[in-house]
Amino acid sequence: MTETRQDLPCSNCGAQLTYSPGAGSLACPFCGAENELPAAAETLGAEDIRELDYHRAVADLLDRQDIEETAALACPGCGAEVTFGPETVADECPFCATSLAKDMARPHRHPKPQGVLPFAQTEREARERMKTWLGGLWFAPSGLSRFAEAGRPIAGLYLPHYTYDANGTAEYRGQRGDAYYVTRTRTVVVDGKQRQETYRERRIRWRPVSGRVRRAFDDVLVPASDTIGPVGDRIEAGGRSWDLAGLMPYRTDYLAGFRAEAPSLELKDGFERARGTMDAILERDVRFDIGGDAQRIDRMRSDYREITFKHILLPVWLAAYRYRNRPYRVVINGRTGSVSGERPYSAWKIAIAVVLGVLVAAAVAYLALDA
């Protein structure tokens, strides 16, 4: 669900300010005036972001100041859910440019953002990254880079995510395997003659074990929207591409000139995804706790307590283009500049590559036979 972009007026000419990635200030695109962020914001960081109680949120018991209600509408063009601000009566979908009217929207409640990771890549840098990526694609149609880059709009968008903290425990029963070796003999043929030789055979001796492991989880990251689908999954890279230590307490200043998508994934469903990540880590811990040369886990029961969460916004640049009436999207990480996207293929380039491969294989086979 995409909220309308945040509008802040320039103190010099009244035009709408935009946040300047990397500069930490608000800039006017018309008169060039720079408006610094409040000094108080510069002294805050990730450690100042407040965690919210997960169980209270699921039970709809969060304090009123931690909840916001917006008007949301499912886009008929691409299925994305777009959120309207209080003063907006019409908008367009940032993912497919379909025109939307607020009178068809429905109320949507969700936790307010607690943190934001500001843009570090400028629009110009994002365009260069996209152009380089498109130009380096194998088997892409000729001129794709120029076609997709020239004049195509590129939008700065904050994607919603949840982070979960929890104290996890796992009780287990299993088996520890310790390796040992026995000496065996076998018959081999050497120069047409049979002979006996000895060798060592590795075996595993198993014994039952049980125990419990504990781990404190911090900031397990889960996308709170599937709007950009597999492209977003690749840009996420399991959360490793986001420097969450750079999170700032949420301020609308960081959103000036950008859009911010509201979460469409329920908080409880998000925790189930986070639990899958945490269960995998606890299983690894269990195997380490069992020790030995091999491990078998017959039963493992995980439990999570003191669960808290944050709703945070992470930055991407999003570009959409159509090639032969088919839509494609390119996503650029707004912090690192890493690129992921959808792309077309050139059938004739692939065909030529296949023919050349066959000719090379035939030439190698011919030379081998001739030798």
Protein backbone atom coordinates (compact mmCIF):
# COMPACT_ATOMS: atom_id res chain seq x y z
CA MET A 1 0.00 0.00 0.00
CA THR A 2 1.59 3.23 -1.06
CA GLU A 3 1.13 6.44 0.85
CA THR A 4 1.24 9.75 -0.94
CA ARG A 5 4.59 11.51 -0.99
CA GLN A 6 5.35 13.85 1.89
CA ASP A 7 5.08 17.56 0.97
CA LEU A 8 7.14 20.11 2.91
CA PRO A 9 7.25 23.76 1.73
CA CYS A 10 10.49 25.67 1.10
CA SER A 11 10.92 28.55 3.55
CA ASN A 12 12.35 30.68 0.72
CA CYS A 13 9.95 30.24 -2.21
CA GLY A 14 7.22 27.92 -0.94
CA ALA A 15 7.94 25.09 -3.41
CA GLN A 16 7.90 21.49 -2.20
CA LEU A 17 11.18 20.36 -0.63
CA THR A 18 12.80 17.02 -1.29
CA TYR A 19 15.20 15.03 0.86
CA SER A 20 18.74 15.02 -0.60
CA PRO A 21 20.20 11.48 -0.44
CA GLY A 22 23.59 11.46 1.22
CA ALA A 23 23.45 15.16 2.12
CA GLY A 24 21.20 14.87 5.15
CA SER A 25 19.24 17.97 4.22
CA LEU A 26 16.07 19.14 2.49
CA ALA A 27 16.62 20.84 -0.87
CA CYS A 28 14.34 23.01 -2.99
CA PRO A 29 14.43 21.88 -6.65
CA PHE A 30 13.46 25.38 -7.85
CA CYS A 31 15.43 27.98 -5.88
CA GLY A 32 18.18 25.65 -4.65
CA ALA A 33 17.73 26.56 -0.99
CA GLU A 34 19.09 24.02 1.50
CA ASN A 35 17.05 23.35 4.64
CA GLU A 36 18.99 21.39 7.25
CA LEU A 37 17.26 18.73 9.28
CA PRO A 38 16.62 19.69 12.90
CA ALA A 39 19.77 19.36 14.98
CA ALA A 40 17.99 16.95 17.33
CA ALA A 41 17.58 14.46 14.47
CA GLU A 42 21.33 14.34 13.83
CA THR A 43 22.07 13.01 17.32
CA LEU A 44 19.61 10.12 17.10
CA GLY A 45 20.26 6.66 15.71
CA ALA A 46 19.08 3.05 15.57
CA GLU A 47 19.44 2.62 19.33
CA ASP A 48 16.79 5.34 19.84
CA ILE A 49 14.09 3.52 17.87
CA ARG A 50 11.39 2.15 20.14
CA GLU A 51 10.38 -1.51 19.93
CA LEU A 52 6.68 -2.38 20.18
CA ASP A 53 5.14 -5.34 21.98
CA TYR A 54 4.21 -8.01 19.42
CA HIS A 55 1.42 -9.71 21.38
CA ARG A 56 -0.26 -6.39 22.20
CA ALA A 57 -0.17 -5.47 18.51
CA VAL A 58 -1.68 -8.78 17.40
CA ALA A 59 -4.44 -8.33 19.98
CA ASP A 60 -5.04 -4.77 18.65
CA LEU A 61 -4.05 -3.28 22.00
CA LEU A 62 -1.33 -0.89 20.89
CA ASP A 63 -1.54 2.70 22.08
CA ARG A 64 -3.38 5.06 19.75
CA GLN A 65 -0.21 7.03 18.92
CA ASP A 66 1.39 3.84 17.55
CA ILE A 67 -1.42 3.16 15.03
CA GLU A 68 -2.47 4.95 11.86
CA GLU A 69 -5.47 4.43 9.63
CA THR A 70 -5.30 5.15 5.91
CA ALA A 71 -7.57 4.76 2.90
CA ALA A 72 -6.33 1.91 0.68
CA LEU A 73 -7.31 0.76 -2.81
CA ALA A 74 -6.18 -2.30 -4.75
CA CYS A 75 -4.85 -1.16 -8.12
CA PRO A 76 -6.88 -2.77 -10.95
CA GLY A 77 -3.83 -2.62 -13.21
CA CYS A 78 -1.22 -4.55 -11.20
CA GLY A 79 -2.85 -5.52 -7.90
CA ALA A 80 -0.70 -3.26 -5.70
CA GLU A 81 -2.54 -1.59 -2.83
CA VAL A 82 -2.24 2.19 -2.90
CA THR A 83 -2.90 4.34 0.15
CA PHE A 84 -4.34 7.85 -0.08
CA GLY A 85 -3.35 10.70 2.22
CA PRO A 86 -6.05 12.75 3.93
CA GLU A 87 -5.88 15.58 1.35
CA THR A 88 -5.62 13.32 -1.73
CA VAL A 89 -8.71 12.48 -3.78
CA ALA A 90 -6.94 10.95 -6.80
CA ASP A 91 -3.54 9.41 -7.43
CA GLU A 92 -1.74 7.03 -9.75
CA CYS A 93 -0.18 3.66 -8.99
CA PRO A 94 3.62 4.06 -8.71
CA PHE A 95 4.10 0.57 -10.14
CA CYS A 96 2.03 0.79 -13.32
CA ALA A 97 0.78 4.43 -13.53
CA THR A 98 -2.92 3.42 -13.46
CA SER A 99 -5.18 6.33 -12.41
CA LEU A 100 -6.95 5.75 -9.09
CA ALA A 101 -9.78 7.52 -7.25
CA LYS A 102 -10.08 7.72 -3.48
CA ASP A 103 -13.84 7.18 -3.43
CA MET A 104 -13.26 3.45 -4.06
CA ALA A 105 -10.79 3.07 -1.15
CA ARG A 106 -11.36 1.23 2.14
CA PRO A 107 -9.98 1.89 5.65
CA HIS A 108 -6.72 0.17 6.57
CA ARG A 109 -5.09 0.14 10.04
CA HIS A 110 -1.44 -0.66 10.62
CA PRO A 111 1.37 0.25 13.04
CA LYS A 112 3.08 3.55 12.31
CA PRO A 113 6.70 3.40 11.12
CA GLN A 114 9.21 3.54 13.96
CA GLY A 115 12.35 3.82 11.84
CA VAL A 116 13.58 4.81 8.40
CA LEU A 117 16.81 4.09 6.53
CA PRO A 118 17.38 7.28 4.50
CA PHE A 119 18.37 7.23 0.83
CA ALA A 120 22.13 7.36 0.17
CA GLN A 121 22.02 6.90 -3.64
CA THR A 122 20.87 9.91 -5.64
CA GLU A 123 18.49 9.60 -8.59
CA ARG A 124 21.37 10.29 -10.99
CA GLU A 125 23.50 7.56 -9.42
CA ALA A 126 20.56 5.14 -9.56
CA ARG A 127 20.06 5.87 -13.26
CA GLU A 128 23.73 5.18 -13.97
CA ARG A 129 23.54 1.93 -12.03
CA MET A 130 20.47 0.88 -14.01
CA LYS A 131 22.07 1.79 -17.33
CA THR A 132 25.21 -0.19 -16.50
CA TRP A 133 23.12 -3.18 -15.44
CA LEU A 134 20.99 -3.13 -18.56
CA GLY A 135 24.05 -2.73 -20.78
CA GLY A 136 25.71 -5.78 -19.23
CA LEU A 137 22.84 -8.22 -19.76
CA TRP A 138 23.65 -11.26 -21.89
CA PHE A 139 21.31 -12.06 -24.79
CA ALA A 140 19.41 -8.80 -24.31
CA PRO A 141 17.78 -7.17 -27.38
CA SER A 142 20.01 -4.65 -29.13
CA GLY A 143 19.53 -1.13 -27.83
CA LEU A 144 17.67 -2.25 -24.70
CA SER A 145 19.81 -0.05 -22.46
CA ARG A 146 19.07 3.09 -24.48
CA PHE A 147 15.40 2.18 -24.86
CA ALA A 148 14.81 1.46 -21.16
CA GLU A 149 16.87 4.31 -19.76
CA ALA A 150 16.05 7.22 -22.05
CA GLY A 151 13.27 9.35 -20.62
CA ARG A 152 11.85 6.64 -18.39
CA PRO A 153 10.70 7.84 -14.95
CA ILE A 154 12.48 6.50 -11.91
CA ALA A 155 10.74 6.74 -8.54
CA GLY A 156 12.17 6.82 -5.04
CA LEU A 157 10.16 4.50 -2.82
CA TYR A 158 10.42 3.42 0.80
CA LEU A 159 9.43 -0.24 1.20
CA PRO A 160 7.83 -1.38 4.48
CA HIS A 161 9.55 -4.05 6.57
CA TYR A 162 9.12 -5.59 9.97
CA THR A 163 12.01 -6.46 12.25
CA TYR A 164 11.45 -8.92 15.08
CA ASP A 165 13.36 -9.40 18.33
CA ALA A 166 12.81 -12.47 20.50
CA ASN A 167 14.40 -14.77 23.04
CA GLY A 168 14.31 -18.21 21.46
CA THR A 169 14.78 -21.67 22.98
CA ALA A 170 14.77 -25.08 21.35
CA GLU A 171 14.41 -28.39 23.19
CA TYR A 172 15.59 -31.37 21.22
CA ARG A 173 16.09 -35.12 21.15
CA GLY A 174 18.43 -36.70 18.68
CA GLN A 175 21.56 -38.73 18.16
CA ARG A 176 25.24 -37.93 18.16
CA GLY A 177 27.40 -39.75 15.66
CA ASP A 178 31.10 -40.36 16.32
CA ALA A 179 33.26 -41.70 13.53
CA TYR A 180 35.51 -44.70 13.91
CA TYR A 181 37.42 -46.85 11.42
CA VAL A 182 37.77 -50.58 10.86
CA THR A 183 40.34 -52.36 8.72
CA ARG A 184 38.92 -54.37 5.84
CA THR A 185 40.40 -56.42 3.03
CA ARG A 186 39.38 -56.61 -0.59
CA THR A 187 40.52 -58.31 -3.79
CA VAL A 188 42.00 -56.14 -6.53
CA VAL A 189 43.46 -56.93 -9.94
CA VAL A 190 46.90 -55.53 -10.76
CA ASP A 191 48.58 -56.35 -14.08
CA GLY A 192 46.12 -59.19 -14.62
CA LYS A 193 46.80 -60.75 -11.24
CA GLN A 194 44.56 -60.84 -8.21
CA ARG A 195 45.87 -59.67 -4.88
CA GLN A 196 44.54 -58.76 -1.46
CA GLU A 197 44.81 -55.27 -0.05
CA THR A 198 43.69 -53.66 3.18
CA TYR A 199 41.80 -50.39 3.55
CA ARG A 200 40.10 -48.38 6.29
CA GLU A 201 36.30 -48.12 6.30
CA ARG A 202 34.63 -45.18 8.05
CA ARG A 203 31.69 -46.00 10.28
CA ILE A 204 29.48 -43.99 12.62
CA ARG A 205 28.64 -44.99 16.18
CA TRP A 206 25.35 -43.39 17.28
CA ARG A 207 24.19 -42.60 20.80
CA PRO A 208 21.04 -40.79 22.00
CA VAL A 209 21.27 -37.18 23.20
CA SER A 210 18.87 -34.46 24.35
CA GLY A 211 19.18 -30.89 25.47
CA ARG A 212 18.17 -27.27 25.08
CA VAL A 213 19.71 -24.30 23.30
CA ARG A 214 18.96 -20.59 23.69
CA ARG A 215 19.55 -17.58 21.47
CA ALA A 216 18.55 -13.92 21.56
CA PHE A 217 17.41 -12.73 18.13
CA ASP A 218 17.75 -9.10 17.10
CA ASP A 219 16.25 -7.39 14.05
CA VAL A 220 15.14 -10.44 12.06
CA LEU A 221 14.08 -8.67 8.86
CA VAL A 222 10.89 -9.49 6.94
CA PRO A 223 9.46 -7.55 3.94
CA ALA A 224 5.98 -6.31 4.89
CA SER A 225 4.83 -6.17 1.26
CA ASP A 226 5.11 -8.45 -1.77
CA THR A 227 4.38 -5.68 -4.27
CA ILE A 228 7.65 -5.96 -6.22
CA GLY A 229 7.73 -9.76 -5.85
CA PRO A 230 10.81 -11.81 -6.82
CA VAL A 231 12.71 -8.69 -7.91
CA GLY A 232 12.43 -7.43 -4.35
CA ASP A 233 13.53 -10.81 -2.97
CA ARG A 234 16.74 -10.59 -4.97
CA ILE A 235 17.46 -7.00 -3.92
CA GLU A 236 16.85 -7.98 -0.28
CA ALA A 237 19.62 -10.63 -0.34
CA GLY A 238 18.29 -12.01 2.93
CA GLY A 239 18.63 -8.67 4.61
CA ARG A 240 22.42 -8.57 4.12
CA SER A 241 22.19 -5.62 1.73
CA TRP A 242 20.63 -3.34 4.34
CA ASP A 243 22.84 -1.60 6.90
CA LEU A 244 20.27 -1.53 9.67
CA ALA A 245 22.77 0.18 11.98
CA GLY A 246 22.06 3.28 9.87
CA LEU A 247 18.36 3.34 10.79
CA MET A 248 17.03 6.66 12.04
CA PRO A 249 13.93 7.29 14.17
CA TYR A 250 11.04 7.97 11.81
CA ARG A 251 10.61 11.56 10.63
CA THR A 252 8.49 12.76 7.71
CA ASP A 253 11.48 14.90 6.60
CA TYR A 254 13.19 11.79 5.21
CA LEU A 255 10.15 11.10 3.04
CA ALA A 256 9.99 14.55 1.44
CA GLY A 257 9.81 14.03 -2.32
CA PHE A 258 9.44 10.24 -2.02
CA ARG A 259 6.67 7.72 -1.61
CA ALA A 260 6.37 5.34 1.34
CA GLU A 261 4.51 2.08 0.99
CA ALA A 262 2.40 0.93 3.93
CA PRO A 263 2.51 -2.74 5.01
CA SER A 264 0.13 -5.15 3.32
CA LEU A 265 1.44 -8.20 5.20
CA GLU A 266 -0.23 -8.86 8.53
CA LEU A 267 2.09 -8.62 11.52
CA LYS A 268 1.31 -12.20 12.56
CA ASP A 269 2.11 -13.54 9.08
CA GLY A 270 5.34 -11.58 9.13
CA PHE A 271 6.35 -13.26 12.38
CA GLU A 272 5.72 -16.68 10.86
CA ARG A 273 8.24 -15.82 8.15
CA ALA A 274 10.67 -14.56 10.77
CA ARG A 275 10.10 -17.73 12.77
CA GLY A 276 11.21 -19.81 9.79
CA THR A 277 14.50 -17.89 9.77
CA MET A 278 14.93 -18.23 13.53
CA ASP A 279 14.06 -21.95 13.52
CA ALA A 280 16.78 -22.57 10.93
CA ILE A 281 19.33 -20.79 13.12
CA LEU A 282 18.22 -22.72 16.22
CA GLU A 283 18.54 -25.98 14.27
CA ARG A 284 22.11 -25.03 13.42
CA ASP A 285 22.72 -24.31 17.11
CA VAL A 286 21.24 -27.70 18.05
CA ARG A 287 23.61 -29.51 15.70
CA PHE A 288 26.53 -27.62 17.21
CA ASP A 289 25.29 -28.52 20.71
CA ILE A 290 25.01 -32.20 19.79
CA GLY A 291 28.56 -32.15 18.47
CA GLY A 292 30.35 -35.22 17.14
CA ASP A 293 31.04 -36.02 13.51
CA ALA A 294 27.38 -36.34 12.48
CA GLN A 295 24.03 -35.38 13.99
CA ARG A 296 20.47 -36.58 13.79
CA ILE A 297 17.60 -34.44 15.11
CA ASP A 298 14.61 -36.65 15.88
CA ARG A 299 12.52 -33.90 17.50
CA MET A 300 12.97 -30.18 18.02
CA ARG A 301 10.45 -27.84 19.63
CA SER A 302 11.13 -24.11 19.44
CA ASP A 303 9.58 -21.42 21.61
CA TYR A 304 9.87 -17.62 21.44
CA ARG A 305 9.26 -15.17 24.26
CA GLU A 306 9.52 -11.42 24.85
CA ILE A 307 8.74 -10.76 21.18
CA THR A 308 8.96 -7.16 20.00
CA PHE A 309 8.86 -5.62 16.55
CA LYS A 310 9.45 -2.45 14.56
CA HIS A 311 7.83 -1.23 11.37
CA ILE A 312 10.65 0.34 9.35
CA LEU A 313 11.02 1.83 5.86
CA LEU A 314 13.89 0.86 3.52
CA PRO A 315 14.79 2.82 0.34
CA VAL A 316 14.74 1.68 -3.29
CA TRP A 317 14.69 3.38 -6.66
CA LEU A 318 12.10 1.79 -8.93
CA ALA A 319 12.04 2.04 -12.72
CA ALA A 320 9.39 0.47 -14.95
CA TYR A 321 9.46 0.13 -18.73
CA ARG A 322 7.61 -1.76 -21.44
CA TYR A 323 9.28 -3.68 -24.24
CA ARG A 324 7.09 -5.11 -26.98
CA ASN A 325 3.99 -4.52 -24.84
CA ARG A 326 5.36 -6.43 -21.85
CA PRO A 327 6.14 -4.61 -18.57
CA TYR A 328 9.51 -4.94 -16.83
CA ARG A 329 10.78 -3.50 -13.56
CA VAL A 330 14.26 -2.62 -12.30
CA VAL A 331 14.92 -2.06 -8.59
CA ILE A 332 18.02 -0.27 -7.26
CA ASN A 333 18.95 -0.49 -3.58
CA GLY A 334 18.76 3.08 -2.30
CA ARG A 335 21.70 2.54 0.06
CA THR A 336 24.21 0.35 -1.81
CA GLY A 337 23.19 0.84 -5.45
CA SER A 338 22.90 -2.91 -6.09
CA VAL A 339 20.50 -3.68 -8.96
CA SER A 340 17.98 -6.42 -9.62
CA GLY A 341 15.34 -6.55 -12.28
CA GLU A 342 13.26 -8.19 -14.94
CA ARG A 343 14.55 -8.26 -18.50
CA PRO A 344 13.63 -9.46 -22.01
CA TYR A 345 15.73 -11.90 -24.06
CA SER A 346 16.64 -11.77 -27.74
CA ALA A 347 15.53 -15.00 -29.41
CA TRP A 348 17.85 -14.57 -32.39
CA LYS A 349 20.91 -13.92 -30.18
CA ILE A 350 20.18 -17.10 -28.25
CA ALA A 351 19.71 -19.01 -31.52
CA ILE A 352 23.05 -17.75 -32.88
CA ALA A 353 24.78 -18.73 -29.61
CA VAL A 354 23.31 -22.24 -29.84
CA VAL A 355 24.41 -22.63 -33.48
CA LEU A 356 27.93 -21.41 -32.67
CA GLY A 357 28.08 -23.81 -29.73
CA VAL A 358 27.11 -26.73 -31.96
CA LEU A 359 29.72 -25.74 -34.58
CA VAL A 360 32.47 -25.46 -31.97
CA ALA A 361 31.53 -28.84 -30.47
CA ALA A 362 31.53 -30.42 -33.95
CA ALA A 363 34.95 -28.92 -34.75
CA VAL A 364 36.43 -30.22 -31.49
CA ALA A 365 35.00 -33.71 -32.14
CA TYR A 366 36.39 -33.72 -35.70
CA LEU A 367 39.88 -32.70 -34.55
CA ALA A 368 39.81 -35.38 -31.85
CA LEU A 369 38.89 -38.07 -34.36
CA ASP A 370 41.48 -36.86 -36.85
CA ALA A 371 44.21 -37.03 -34.21
